[in-house]
């Protein structure tokens, strides 16, 4: 029987969600302190991680656009493995044609159907996309994405820009914690031109000060402290911490936190590439980069492995009580996706 049907997807929300679509924007994006609870009966969890997927344009000479190429491969993987959910590392909506806008402009934006619902079929249209906000999402109306998640389609799961999921599965009720964070305020210095594009929204929600950054770092640390009884702790953000990509503004403050509190892995996008920095002595966290859902470019210098420029694809994971097995999927050729890098690691000590 389909494992998805077993999920107690009331997501037994321990938090009380606002359903007021006229709420002050800051109310929609501020962190939720209490966790969303999910219960799975299966002995293992299967999920895909994809980022930077929201460009549905077709380049000269293409029959299928890059997004379609990746979505076809993802659909095959999700249906073969009966995947339980998607980890969406953000940049969900780009400018797709001349005259288009960044992100979405409202809960009624046609992009919800054109770029998401119509682009991902089969099992990809059945399971939940646990999402974080990318920079291109902030260039548009990020509160509309949160509002859409809360009040229109919870399958695009973004109840706030910072939130926590507690997931339990298997005969031993193994606990897995996911901490979803917004890295935009950590990545861009105020003088950065990209940050200026966000400034109107950041000011509107009160996120334009160093104190806000410190507060969000404290929120992350508090959640990590609370969840130390978990078998697995994962963090998801848009911007990468792989090798030299971590050297941006306040991003360097995240790695010590993750290593101190024994995070098993961090998932990101932003750099339009597939790459990894593996856990090792003195650096116990595995840092994943899966940002090749519709665009490609050079990844992070110093990574332990990175796909060649021009590689489209995603990350596939199988999680059991005592093992995390992963594989990067090159789906550049639509009808012949292939595994290009694999590995595994065991739970946090």
C-alpha atoms as a PDB file:
ATOM      1  CA  UNK A   1       0.000   0.000   0.000  1.00  0.00           C
ATOM      2  CA  UNK A   2       1.231   3.521  -0.787  1.00  0.00           C
ATOM      3  CA  UNK A   3       3.297   4.711   2.159  1.00  0.00           C
ATOM      4  CA  UNK A   4       2.032   8.242   1.722  1.00  0.00           C
ATOM      5  CA  UNK A   5      -1.411   7.080   2.789  1.00  0.00           C
ATOM      6  CA  UNK A   6      -0.001   6.062   6.142  1.00  0.00           C
ATOM      7  CA  UNK A   7       1.263   9.514   6.981  1.00  0.00           C
ATOM      8  CA  UNK A   8      -0.670  11.166   9.733  1.00  0.00           C
ATOM      9  CA  UNK A   9      -0.800  14.276   7.646  1.00  0.00           C
ATOM     10  CA  UNK A  10      -2.998  16.293   9.794  1.00  0.00           C
ATOM     11  CA  UNK A  11       0.619  17.321  10.156  1.00  0.00           C
ATOM     12  CA  UNK A  12      -0.523  17.277  13.810  1.00  0.00           C
ATOM     13  CA  UNK A  13       0.325  20.932  13.913  1.00  0.00           C
ATOM     14  CA  UNK A  14       1.484  21.717  17.395  1.00  0.00           C
ATOM     15  CA  UNK A  15       1.454  25.363  16.396  1.00  0.00           C
ATOM     16  CA  UNK A  16      -1.700  27.311  15.699  1.00  0.00           C
ATOM     17  CA  UNK A  17      -1.498  28.634  12.170  1.00  0.00           C
ATOM     18  CA  UNK A  18      -2.897  31.988  11.232  1.00  0.00           C
ATOM     19  CA  UNK A  19      -5.579  31.782   8.579  1.00  0.00           C
ATOM     20  CA  UNK A  20      -5.962  35.542   8.327  1.00  0.00           C
ATOM     21  CA  UNK A  21      -4.846  36.455   4.825  1.00  0.00           C
ATOM     22  CA  UNK A  22      -4.858  40.109   5.884  1.00  0.00           C
ATOM     23  CA  UNK A  23      -2.319  39.485   8.647  1.00  0.00           C
ATOM     24  CA  UNK A  24       0.620  41.864   8.902  1.00  0.00           C
ATOM     25  CA  UNK A  25       3.337  40.407   6.674  1.00  0.00           C
ATOM     26  CA  UNK A  26       5.703  39.950   9.616  1.00  0.00           C
ATOM     27  CA  UNK A  27       3.201  37.628  11.234  1.00  0.00           C
ATOM     28  CA  UNK A  28       3.506  35.307   8.254  1.00  0.00           C
ATOM     29  CA  UNK A  29       7.296  35.021   8.121  1.00  0.00           C
ATOM     30  CA  UNK A  30       8.384  35.067  11.767  1.00  0.00           C
ATOM     31  CA  UNK A  31       9.725  31.732  13.086  1.00  0.00           C
ATOM     32  CA  UNK A  32       7.440  29.101  14.561  1.00  0.00           C
ATOM     33  CA  UNK A  33       8.908  27.807  17.804  1.00  0.00           C
ATOM     34  CA  UNK A  34       6.887  24.607  18.108  1.00  0.00           C
ATOM     35  CA  UNK A  35       7.173  21.679  15.776  1.00  0.00           C
ATOM     36  CA  UNK A  36       4.955  20.191  13.135  1.00  0.00           C
ATOM     37  CA  UNK A  37       4.592  16.474  13.830  1.00  0.00           C
ATOM     38  CA  UNK A  38       4.534  13.757  11.153  1.00  0.00           C
ATOM     39  CA  UNK A  39       4.118  10.007  11.690  1.00  0.00           C
ATOM     40  CA  UNK A  40       5.133   7.394   9.113  1.00  0.00           C
ATOM     41  CA  UNK A  41       4.565   3.661   9.539  1.00  0.00           C
ATOM     42  CA  UNK A  42       7.190   2.554   7.016  1.00  0.00           C
ATOM     43  CA  UNK A  43      10.599   1.151   8.001  1.00  0.00           C
ATOM     44  CA  UNK A  44      12.426   3.665   5.829  1.00  0.00           C
ATOM     45  CA  UNK A  45      11.888   7.113   4.395  1.00  0.00           C
ATOM     46  CA  UNK A  46      12.485   8.086   0.808  1.00  0.00           C
ATOM     47  CA  UNK A  47      12.777  11.678  -0.394  1.00  0.00           C
ATOM     48  CA  UNK A  48      14.114  13.848  -3.191  1.00  0.00           C
ATOM     49  CA  UNK A  49      15.893  17.183  -2.789  1.00  0.00           C
ATOM     50  CA  UNK A  50      15.705  19.776  -5.557  1.00  0.00           C
ATOM     51  CA  UNK A  51      16.397  23.472  -5.760  1.00  0.00           C
ATOM     52  CA  UNK A  52      16.388  26.375  -8.197  1.00  0.00           C
ATOM     53  CA  UNK A  53      13.703  24.657 -10.243  1.00  0.00           C
ATOM     54  CA  UNK A  54      11.350  27.544 -10.994  1.00  0.00           C
ATOM     55  CA  UNK A  55      12.451  28.443 -14.530  1.00  0.00           C
ATOM     56  CA  UNK A  56      10.174  26.887 -17.148  1.00  0.00           C
ATOM     57  CA  UNK A  57      11.674  28.552 -20.215  1.00  0.00           C
ATOM     58  CA  UNK A  58      12.886  26.612 -23.254  1.00  0.00           C
ATOM     59  CA  UNK A  59      16.326  27.488 -24.581  1.00  0.00           C
ATOM     60  CA  UNK A  60      17.116  27.633 -28.334  1.00  0.00           C
ATOM     61  CA  UNK A  61      17.383  24.136 -29.787  1.00  0.00           C
ATOM     62  CA  UNK A  62      15.587  22.451 -26.883  1.00  0.00           C
ATOM     63  CA  UNK A  63      12.532  20.229 -27.249  1.00  0.00           C
ATOM     64  CA  UNK A  64      12.039  20.132 -23.496  1.00  0.00           C
ATOM     65  CA  UNK A  65      13.047  22.966 -21.171  1.00  0.00           C
ATOM     66  CA  UNK A  66      15.480  22.300 -18.335  1.00  0.00           C
ATOM     67  CA  UNK A  67      12.727  22.181 -15.726  1.00  0.00           C
ATOM     68  CA  UNK A  68      10.791  19.599 -17.725  1.00  0.00           C
ATOM     69  CA  UNK A  69      13.900  17.478 -18.186  1.00  0.00           C
ATOM     70  CA  UNK A  70      14.527  17.321 -14.442  1.00  0.00           C
ATOM     71  CA  UNK A  71      10.867  16.852 -13.540  1.00  0.00           C
ATOM     72  CA  UNK A  72      10.590  13.791 -15.818  1.00  0.00           C
ATOM     73  CA  UNK A  73      13.523  12.121 -14.094  1.00  0.00           C
ATOM     74  CA  UNK A  74      12.213  13.077 -10.663  1.00  0.00           C
ATOM     75  CA  UNK A  75       8.836  11.591 -11.497  1.00  0.00           C
ATOM     76  CA  UNK A  76      10.464   8.284 -12.503  1.00  0.00           C
ATOM     77  CA  UNK A  77      12.497   8.152  -9.288  1.00  0.00           C
ATOM     78  CA  UNK A  78       9.594   9.165  -7.050  1.00  0.00           C
ATOM     79  CA  UNK A  79       7.289   6.543  -8.535  1.00  0.00           C
ATOM     80  CA  UNK A  80       9.859   3.739  -8.560  1.00  0.00           C
ATOM     81  CA  UNK A  81      10.819   4.341  -4.915  1.00  0.00           C
ATOM     82  CA  UNK A  82       7.387   5.542  -3.694  1.00  0.00           C
ATOM     83  CA  UNK A  83       9.048   8.682  -2.377  1.00  0.00           C
ATOM     84  CA  UNK A  84       7.468  10.195   0.714  1.00  0.00           C
ATOM     85  CA  UNK A  85       8.172  13.887   0.155  1.00  0.00           C
ATOM     86  CA  UNK A  86      10.258  16.543  -1.572  1.00  0.00           C
ATOM     87  CA  UNK A  87      12.786  18.833   0.093  1.00  0.00           C
ATOM     88  CA  UNK A  88      12.583  22.108  -1.828  1.00  0.00           C
ATOM     89  CA  UNK A  89      15.687  24.254  -1.275  1.00  0.00           C
ATOM     90  CA  UNK A  90      14.152  27.328  -2.858  1.00  0.00           C
ATOM     91  CA  UNK A  91      14.174  29.698  -5.735  1.00  0.00           C
ATOM     92  CA  UNK A  92      10.811  28.267  -6.612  1.00  0.00           C
ATOM     93  CA  UNK A  93       9.838  31.020  -9.056  1.00  0.00           C
ATOM     94  CA  UNK A  94      12.099  32.942 -11.440  1.00  0.00           C
ATOM     95  CA  UNK A  95      11.485  35.436 -14.236  1.00  0.00           C
ATOM     96  CA  UNK A  96      10.505  33.125 -17.079  1.00  0.00           C
ATOM     97  CA  UNK A  97       9.999  35.499 -20.023  1.00  0.00           C
ATOM     98  CA  UNK A  98      10.351  39.153 -20.947  1.00  0.00           C
ATOM     99  CA  UNK A  99       7.976  41.159 -18.832  1.00  0.00           C
ATOM    100  CA  UNK A 100       7.608  38.468 -16.166  1.00  0.00           C
ATOM    101  CA  UNK A 101       8.179  39.192 -12.473  1.00  0.00           C
ATOM    102  CA  UNK A 102      10.394  37.576  -9.852  1.00  0.00           C
ATOM    103  CA  UNK A 103       8.810  35.129  -7.426  1.00  0.00           C
ATOM    104  CA  UNK A 104       5.038  35.298  -7.240  1.00  0.00           C
ATOM    105  CA  UNK A 105       2.997  38.457  -6.778  1.00  0.00           C
ATOM    106  CA  UNK A 106      -0.008  36.909  -4.998  1.00  0.00           C
ATOM    107  CA  UNK A 107      -1.724  33.651  -4.068  1.00  0.00           C
ATOM    108  CA  UNK A 108      -3.535  33.921  -7.409  1.00  0.00           C
ATOM    109  CA  UNK A 109      -0.413  34.229  -9.544  1.00  0.00           C
ATOM    110  CA  UNK A 110      -0.642  31.929 -12.625  1.00  0.00           C
ATOM    111  CA  UNK A 111       2.837  30.651 -11.795  1.00  0.00           C
ATOM    112  CA  UNK A 112       1.386  28.438  -9.054  1.00  0.00           C
ATOM    113  CA  UNK A 113      -0.134  26.299 -11.773  1.00  0.00           C
ATOM    114  CA  UNK A 114       2.225  26.883 -14.682  1.00  0.00           C
ATOM    115  CA  UNK A 115       5.568  26.552 -12.915  1.00  0.00           C
ATOM    116  CA  UNK A 116       4.646  24.150 -10.109  1.00  0.00           C
ATOM    117  CA  UNK A 117       1.418  22.168 -10.426  1.00  0.00           C
ATOM    118  CA  UNK A 118       1.510  21.721 -14.198  1.00  0.00           C
ATOM    119  CA  UNK A 119       5.252  21.018 -14.258  1.00  0.00           C
ATOM    120  CA  UNK A 120       5.405  18.140 -11.745  1.00  0.00           C
ATOM    121  CA  UNK A 121       3.147  15.176 -12.426  1.00  0.00           C
ATOM    122  CA  UNK A 122       2.428  11.699 -11.092  1.00  0.00           C
ATOM    123  CA  UNK A 123       3.721  11.120  -7.588  1.00  0.00           C
ATOM    124  CA  UNK A 124       5.368  14.546  -7.584  1.00  0.00           C
ATOM    125  CA  UNK A 125       1.857  16.015  -7.618  1.00  0.00           C
ATOM    126  CA  UNK A 126       0.744  13.886  -4.663  1.00  0.00           C
ATOM    127  CA  UNK A 127       3.467  14.305  -2.054  1.00  0.00           C
ATOM    128  CA  UNK A 128       4.354  17.361   0.034  1.00  0.00           C
ATOM    129  CA  UNK A 129       7.075  19.832  -0.962  1.00  0.00           C
ATOM    130  CA  UNK A 130       8.737  21.024   2.256  1.00  0.00           C
ATOM    131  CA  UNK A 131      10.059  24.413   1.204  1.00  0.00           C
ATOM    132  CA  UNK A 132      12.366  27.262   2.140  1.00  0.00           C
ATOM    133  CA  UNK A 133      12.592  30.696   0.543  1.00  0.00           C
ATOM    134  CA  UNK A 134      15.284  31.536  -1.978  1.00  0.00           C
ATOM    135  CA  UNK A 135      16.502  34.991  -2.924  1.00  0.00           C
ATOM    136  CA  UNK A 136      14.351  35.071  -6.077  1.00  0.00           C
ATOM    137  CA  UNK A 137      11.343  34.203  -3.921  1.00  0.00           C
ATOM    138  CA  UNK A 138      12.093  37.244  -1.747  1.00  0.00           C
ATOM    139  CA  UNK A 139      12.450  39.490  -4.804  1.00  0.00           C
ATOM    140  CA  UNK A 140       8.755  38.799  -5.322  1.00  0.00           C
ATOM    141  CA  UNK A 141       6.071  38.575  -2.633  1.00  0.00           C
ATOM    142  CA  UNK A 142       7.382  36.031  -0.138  1.00  0.00           C
ATOM    143  CA  UNK A 143       4.396  36.492   2.179  1.00  0.00           C
ATOM    144  CA  UNK A 144       2.145  35.373  -0.694  1.00  0.00           C
ATOM    145  CA  UNK A 145       4.024  32.051  -0.748  1.00  0.00           C
ATOM    146  CA  UNK A 146       3.468  31.606   2.988  1.00  0.00           C
ATOM    147  CA  UNK A 147      -0.173  32.623   2.646  1.00  0.00           C
ATOM    148  CA  UNK A 148      -0.619  30.151  -0.231  1.00  0.00           C
ATOM    149  CA  UNK A 149       0.817  27.354   1.901  1.00  0.00           C
ATOM    150  CA  UNK A 150      -1.368  28.149   4.890  1.00  0.00           C
ATOM    151  CA  UNK A 151      -4.646  28.800   3.131  1.00  0.00           C
ATOM    152  CA  UNK A 152      -4.651  27.402  -0.406  1.00  0.00           C
ATOM    153  CA  UNK A 153      -2.454  24.293  -0.790  1.00  0.00           C
ATOM    154  CA  UNK A 154      -0.522  22.852   2.157  1.00  0.00           C
ATOM    155  CA  UNK A 155       1.283  20.510  -0.231  1.00  0.00           C
ATOM    156  CA  UNK A 156       3.532  23.505  -0.938  1.00  0.00           C
ATOM    157  CA  UNK A 157       4.624  23.535   2.693  1.00  0.00           C
ATOM    158  CA  UNK A 158       5.980  26.917   3.773  1.00  0.00           C
ATOM    159  CA  UNK A 159       4.056  27.892   6.928  1.00  0.00           C
ATOM    160  CA  UNK A 160       6.758  30.412   7.821  1.00  0.00           C
ATOM    161  CA  UNK A 161      10.288  31.166   6.676  1.00  0.00           C
ATOM    162  CA  UNK A 162      11.644  29.370   9.780  1.00  0.00           C
ATOM    163  CA  UNK A 163       9.923  26.223  11.033  1.00  0.00           C
ATOM    164  CA  UNK A 164      10.614  22.779  12.525  1.00  0.00           C
ATOM    165  CA  UNK A 165       9.286  19.341  11.647  1.00  0.00           C
ATOM    166  CA  UNK A 166       9.492  16.315  13.931  1.00  0.00           C
ATOM    167  CA  UNK A 167       9.119  13.131  11.938  1.00  0.00           C
ATOM    168  CA  UNK A 168       8.731   9.643  13.436  1.00  0.00           C
ATOM    169  CA  UNK A 169       8.968   6.400  11.482  1.00  0.00           C
ATOM    170  CA  UNK A 170       9.644   2.681  11.707  1.00  0.00           C
ATOM    171  CA  UNK A 171       9.025   0.060  14.384  1.00  0.00           C
ATOM    172  CA  UNK A 172      11.186   1.951  16.910  1.00  0.00           C
ATOM    173  CA  UNK A 173       9.496   5.271  16.202  1.00  0.00           C
ATOM    174  CA  UNK A 174      12.816   6.753  15.117  1.00  0.00           C
ATOM    175  CA  UNK A 175      12.849  10.526  15.546  1.00  0.00           C
ATOM    176  CA  UNK A 176      14.026  12.762  12.699  1.00  0.00           C
ATOM    177  CA  UNK A 177      14.064  16.531  13.053  1.00  0.00           C
ATOM    178  CA  UNK A 178      14.069  18.966  10.141  1.00  0.00           C
ATOM    179  CA  UNK A 179      14.873  22.624  10.821  1.00  0.00           C
ATOM    180  CA  UNK A 180      13.935  24.782   7.826  1.00  0.00           C
ATOM    181  CA  UNK A 181      15.579  28.210   7.815  1.00  0.00           C
ATOM    182  CA  UNK A 182      15.718  31.390   5.718  1.00  0.00           C
ATOM    183  CA  UNK A 183      19.360  32.065   4.840  1.00  0.00           C
ATOM    184  CA  UNK A 184      18.808  35.261   2.853  1.00  0.00           C
ATOM    185  CA  UNK A 185      19.521  37.506   5.836  1.00  0.00           C
ATOM    186  CA  UNK A 186      22.737  35.568   6.540  1.00  0.00           C
ATOM    187  CA  UNK A 187      24.045  35.537   2.968  1.00  0.00           C
ATOM    188  CA  UNK A 188      23.778  39.117   1.670  1.00  0.00           C
ATOM    189  CA  UNK A 189      25.574  42.132   3.090  1.00  0.00           C
ATOM    190  CA  UNK A 190      23.415  45.270   3.146  1.00  0.00           C
ATOM    191  CA  UNK A 191      25.567  46.832   0.396  1.00  0.00           C
ATOM    192  CA  UNK A 192      25.117  43.842  -1.889  1.00  0.00           C
ATOM    193  CA  UNK A 193      23.018  44.808  -4.952  1.00  0.00           C
ATOM    194  CA  UNK A 194      20.935  41.647  -4.576  1.00  0.00           C
ATOM    195  CA  UNK A 195      20.191  42.577  -0.970  1.00  0.00           C
ATOM    196  CA  UNK A 196      18.943  45.978  -2.126  1.00  0.00           C
ATOM    197  CA  UNK A 197      16.347  44.203  -4.277  1.00  0.00           C
ATOM    198  CA  UNK A 198      15.006  42.589  -1.110  1.00  0.00           C
ATOM    199  CA  UNK A 199      15.226  45.643   1.115  1.00  0.00           C
ATOM    200  CA  UNK A 200      11.616  46.776   0.736  1.00  0.00           C
ATOM    201  CA  UNK A 201      10.282  43.432   1.932  1.00  0.00           C
ATOM    202  CA  UNK A 202      12.966  43.003   4.587  1.00  0.00           C
ATOM    203  CA  UNK A 203      12.141  46.402   6.048  1.00  0.00           C
ATOM    204  CA  UNK A 204       8.433  45.638   5.866  1.00  0.00           C
ATOM    205  CA  UNK A 205       8.875  42.589   8.089  1.00  0.00           C
ATOM    206  CA  UNK A 206      11.512  44.211  10.294  1.00  0.00           C
ATOM    207  CA  UNK A 207      14.421  42.110   9.071  1.00  0.00           C
ATOM    208  CA  UNK A 208      16.818  44.893   8.137  1.00  0.00           C
ATOM    209  CA  UNK A 209      19.115  44.954  11.191  1.00  0.00           C
ATOM    210  CA  UNK A 210      22.050  42.995  12.571  1.00  0.00           C
ATOM    211  CA  UNK A 211      19.932  42.376  15.664  1.00  0.00           C
ATOM    212  CA  UNK A 212      17.480  40.447  13.479  1.00  0.00           C
ATOM    213  CA  UNK A 213      20.322  38.260  12.239  1.00  0.00           C
ATOM    214  CA  UNK A 214      21.465  37.598  15.807  1.00  0.00           C
ATOM    215  CA  UNK A 215      17.899  36.797  16.844  1.00  0.00           C
ATOM    216  CA  UNK A 216      17.512  34.271  14.024  1.00  0.00           C
ATOM    217  CA  UNK A 217      20.842  32.617  14.892  1.00  0.00           C
ATOM    218  CA  UNK A 218      19.626  32.345  18.483  1.00  0.00           C
ATOM    219  CA  UNK A 219      16.356  30.807  17.269  1.00  0.00           C
ATOM    220  CA  UNK A 220      18.287  28.166  15.319  1.00  0.00           C
ATOM    221  CA  UNK A 221      20.495  27.365  18.311  1.00  0.00           C
ATOM    222  CA  UNK A 222      17.510  27.110  20.658  1.00  0.00           C
ATOM    223  CA  UNK A 223      15.810  24.638  18.314  1.00  0.00           C
ATOM    224  CA  UNK A 224      19.005  22.564  18.030  1.00  0.00           C
ATOM    225  CA  UNK A 225      19.297  22.426  21.809  1.00  0.00           C
ATOM    226  CA  UNK A 226      15.667  21.327  22.146  1.00  0.00           C
ATOM    227  CA  UNK A 227      16.101  18.498  19.649  1.00  0.00           C
ATOM    228  CA  UNK A 228      19.199  16.773  21.001  1.00  0.00           C
ATOM    229  CA  UNK A 229      17.224  13.591  21.707  1.00  0.00           C
ATOM    230  CA  UNK A 230      16.743  13.009  17.953  1.00  0.00           C
ATOM    231  CA  UNK A 231      18.397  10.186  16.048  1.00  0.00           C
ATOM    232  CA  UNK A 232      18.795  12.431  13.016  1.00  0.00           C
ATOM    233  CA  UNK A 233      18.869  16.231  12.786  1.00  0.00           C
ATOM    234  CA  UNK A 234      18.782  17.902   9.368  1.00  0.00           C
ATOM    235  CA  UNK A 235      18.760  21.578   8.428  1.00  0.00           C
ATOM    236  CA  UNK A 236      17.475  23.019   5.132  1.00  0.00           C
ATOM    237  CA  UNK A 237      18.307  26.454   3.751  1.00  0.00           C
ATOM    238  CA  UNK A 238      18.590  28.015   0.332  1.00  0.00           C
ATOM    239  CA  UNK A 239      22.229  29.148   0.365  1.00  0.00           C
ATOM    240  CA  UNK A 240      25.065  26.608   0.411  1.00  0.00           C
ATOM    241  CA  UNK A 241      27.643  25.902   3.090  1.00  0.00           C
ATOM    242  CA  UNK A 242      29.740  23.643   0.877  1.00  0.00           C
ATOM    243  CA  UNK A 243      33.448  24.553   1.081  1.00  0.00           C
ATOM    244  CA  UNK A 244      34.166  28.140  -0.068  1.00  0.00           C
ATOM    245  CA  UNK A 245      30.456  28.868  -0.591  1.00  0.00           C
ATOM    246  CA  UNK A 246      30.175  29.209   3.198  1.00  0.00           C
ATOM    247  CA  UNK A 247      32.307  32.374   3.146  1.00  0.00           C
ATOM    248  CA  UNK A 248      29.462  34.854   2.782  1.00  0.00           C
ATOM    249  CA  UNK A 249      28.515  37.485   5.371  1.00  0.00           C
ATOM    250  CA  UNK A 250      26.955  35.651   8.368  1.00  0.00           C
ATOM    251  CA  UNK A 251      26.797  32.214   6.704  1.00  0.00           C
ATOM    252  CA  UNK A 252      30.000  31.292   8.504  1.00  0.00           C
ATOM    253  CA  UNK A 253      28.121  31.496  11.800  1.00  0.00           C
ATOM    254  CA  UNK A 254      25.964  28.522  10.845  1.00  0.00           C
ATOM    255  CA  UNK A 255      28.630  25.855  10.436  1.00  0.00           C
ATOM    256  CA  UNK A 256      29.902  26.052  14.049  1.00  0.00           C
ATOM    257  CA  UNK A 257      26.328  25.756  15.309  1.00  0.00           C
ATOM    258  CA  UNK A 258      25.655  22.694  13.167  1.00  0.00           C
ATOM    259  CA  UNK A 259      28.892  21.033  14.203  1.00  0.00           C
ATOM    260  CA  UNK A 260      28.457  21.847  17.918  1.00  0.00           C
ATOM    261  CA  UNK A 261      24.962  20.361  18.039  1.00  0.00           C
ATOM    262  CA  UNK A 262      25.730  17.373  15.816  1.00  0.00           C
ATOM    263  CA  UNK A 263      23.558  18.095  12.815  1.00  0.00           C
ATOM    264  CA  UNK A 264      23.797  15.135  10.430  1.00  0.00           C
ATOM    265  CA  UNK A 265      23.365  17.068   7.178  1.00  0.00           C
ATOM    266  CA  UNK A 266      22.545  20.458   5.709  1.00  0.00           C
ATOM    267  CA  UNK A 267      20.662  20.727   2.385  1.00  0.00           C
ATOM    268  CA  UNK A 268      20.884  23.770   0.123  1.00  0.00           C
ATOM    269  CA  UNK A 269      20.570  25.121  -3.401  1.00  0.00           C
ATOM    270  CA  UNK A 270      21.340  28.581  -4.864  1.00  0.00           C
ATOM    271  CA  UNK A 271      24.486  27.592  -6.734  1.00  0.00           C
ATOM    272  CA  UNK A 272      22.996  25.895  -9.806  1.00  0.00           C
ATOM    273  CA  UNK A 273      24.966  22.727  -9.374  1.00  0.00           C
ATOM    274  CA  UNK A 274      25.138  19.354  -7.650  1.00  0.00           C
ATOM    275  CA  UNK A 275      27.902  19.071  -5.032  1.00  0.00           C
ATOM    276  CA  UNK A 276      28.819  17.739  -1.609  1.00  0.00           C
ATOM    277  CA  UNK A 277      31.228  18.310   1.258  1.00  0.00           C
ATOM    278  CA  UNK A 278      31.321  15.066   3.209  1.00  0.00           C
ATOM    279  CA  UNK A 279      31.566  14.667   6.969  1.00  0.00           C
ATOM    280  CA  UNK A 280      35.051  13.961   8.277  1.00  0.00           C
ATOM    281  CA  UNK A 281      37.183  14.270  11.406  1.00  0.00           C
ATOM    282  CA  UNK A 282      36.853  17.786  12.729  1.00  0.00           C
ATOM    283  CA  UNK A 283      33.926  18.502  10.414  1.00  0.00           C
ATOM    284  CA  UNK A 284      31.097  16.100  11.308  1.00  0.00           C
ATOM    285  CA  UNK A 285      28.347  17.510   9.063  1.00  0.00           C
ATOM    286  CA  UNK A 286      27.610  16.482   5.476  1.00  0.00           C
ATOM    287  CA  UNK A 287      26.790  19.529   3.355  1.00  0.00           C
ATOM    288  CA  UNK A 288      24.651  18.890   0.268  1.00  0.00           C
ATOM    289  CA  UNK A 289      24.113  21.212  -2.667  1.00  0.00           C
ATOM    290  CA  UNK A 290      21.158  20.403  -4.916  1.00  0.00           C
ATOM    291  CA  UNK A 291      20.445  23.488  -6.976  1.00  0.00           C
ATOM    292  CA  UNK A 292      20.268  22.174 -10.538  1.00  0.00           C
ATOM    293  CA  UNK A 293      16.506  21.884 -10.971  1.00  0.00           C
ATOM    294  CA  UNK A 294      16.304  24.196 -13.989  1.00  0.00           C
ATOM    295  CA  UNK A 295      19.598  26.111 -14.307  1.00  0.00           C
ATOM    296  CA  UNK A 296      23.298  25.270 -14.164  1.00  0.00           C
ATOM    297  CA  UNK A 297      26.568  27.033 -13.410  1.00  0.00           C
ATOM    298  CA  UNK A 298      29.887  26.473 -11.601  1.00  0.00           C
ATOM    299  CA  UNK A 299      29.439  25.209  -8.045  1.00  0.00           C
ATOM    300  CA  UNK A 300      31.525  25.678  -4.884  1.00  0.00           C
ATOM    301  CA  UNK A 301      35.328  25.600  -4.977  1.00  0.00           C
ATOM    302  CA  UNK A 302      36.791  23.011  -2.634  1.00  0.00           C
ATOM    303  CA  UNK A 303      33.843  20.604  -2.612  1.00  0.00           C
ATOM    304  CA  UNK A 304      34.626  16.910  -2.239  1.00  0.00           C
ATOM    305  CA  UNK A 305      32.597  16.260  -5.372  1.00  0.00           C
ATOM    306  CA  UNK A 306      30.803  18.496  -7.818  1.00  0.00           C
ATOM    307  CA  UNK A 307      29.025  17.814 -11.091  1.00  0.00           C
ATOM    308  CA  UNK A 308      30.443  19.325 -14.305  1.00  0.00           C
ATOM    309  CA  UNK A 309      28.988  22.650 -15.415  1.00  0.00           C
ATOM    310  CA  UNK A 310      25.862  22.017 -17.457  1.00  0.00           C
ATOM    311  CA  UNK A 311      24.614  19.147 -15.294  1.00  0.00           C
ATOM    312  CA  UNK A 312      20.943  19.238 -14.356  1.00  0.00           C
ATOM    313  CA  UNK A 313      19.527  17.018 -11.642  1.00  0.00           C
ATOM    314  CA  UNK A 314      18.576  16.355  -8.036  1.00  0.00           C
ATOM    315  CA  UNK A 315      19.423  14.357  -4.915  1.00  0.00           C
ATOM    316  CA  UNK A 316      17.717  11.111  -3.864  1.00  0.00           C
ATOM    317  CA  UNK A 317      17.878   9.778  -0.291  1.00  0.00           C
ATOM    318  CA  UNK A 318      16.808   6.621   1.531  1.00  0.00           C
ATOM    319  CA  UNK A 319      16.805   6.964   5.316  1.00  0.00           C
ATOM    320  CA  UNK A 320      16.583   4.137   7.828  1.00  0.00           C
ATOM    321  CA  UNK A 321      17.062   4.093  11.585  1.00  0.00           C
ATOM    322  CA  UNK A 322      20.798   3.536  11.237  1.00  0.00           C
ATOM    323  CA  UNK A 323      21.791   4.618   7.711  1.00  0.00           C
ATOM    324  CA  UNK A 324      21.481   7.582   5.360  1.00  0.00           C
ATOM    325  CA  UNK A 325      22.055   6.535   1.735  1.00  0.00           C
ATOM    326  CA  UNK A 326      22.179   9.150  -1.010  1.00  0.00           C
ATOM    327  CA  UNK A 327      22.675   9.412  -4.745  1.00  0.00           C
ATOM    328  CA  UNK A 328      22.976  12.398  -7.060  1.00  0.00           C
ATOM    329  CA  UNK A 329      20.992  12.009 -10.270  1.00  0.00           C
ATOM    330  CA  UNK A 330      22.204  13.591 -13.503  1.00  0.00           C
ATOM    331  CA  UNK A 331      19.058  14.160 -15.550  1.00  0.00           C
ATOM    332  CA  UNK A 332      20.580  16.383 -18.230  1.00  0.00           C
ATOM    333  CA  UNK A 333      19.453  13.880 -20.856  1.00  0.00           C
ATOM    334  CA  UNK A 334      15.720  13.648 -20.263  1.00  0.00           C
ATOM    335  CA  UNK A 335      15.200   9.991 -21.179  1.00  0.00           C
ATOM    336  CA  UNK A 336      18.468   8.667 -19.709  1.00  0.00           C
ATOM    337  CA  UNK A 337      18.950   9.974 -16.159  1.00  0.00           C
ATOM    338  CA  UNK A 338      21.887   8.378 -14.378  1.00  0.00           C
ATOM    339  CA  UNK A 339      23.399   8.098 -10.920  1.00  0.00           C
ATOM    340  CA  UNK A 340      26.672  10.040 -10.846  1.00  0.00           C
ATOM    341  CA  UNK A 341      27.720  10.040  -7.178  1.00  0.00           C
ATOM    342  CA  UNK A 342      26.660   7.950  -4.178  1.00  0.00           C
ATOM    343  CA  UNK A 343      27.501   7.565  -0.513  1.00  0.00           C
ATOM    344  CA  UNK A 344      26.132   6.935   2.955  1.00  0.00           C
ATOM    345  CA  UNK A 345      26.664   7.865   6.584  1.00  0.00           C
ATOM    346  CA  UNK A 346      25.371   6.763   9.982  1.00  0.00           C
ATOM    347  CA  UNK A 347      23.487   8.653  12.723  1.00  0.00           C
ATOM    348  CA  UNK A 348      24.945  11.393  14.840  1.00  0.00           C
ATOM    349  CA  UNK A 349      27.063  10.011  17.718  1.00  0.00           C
END
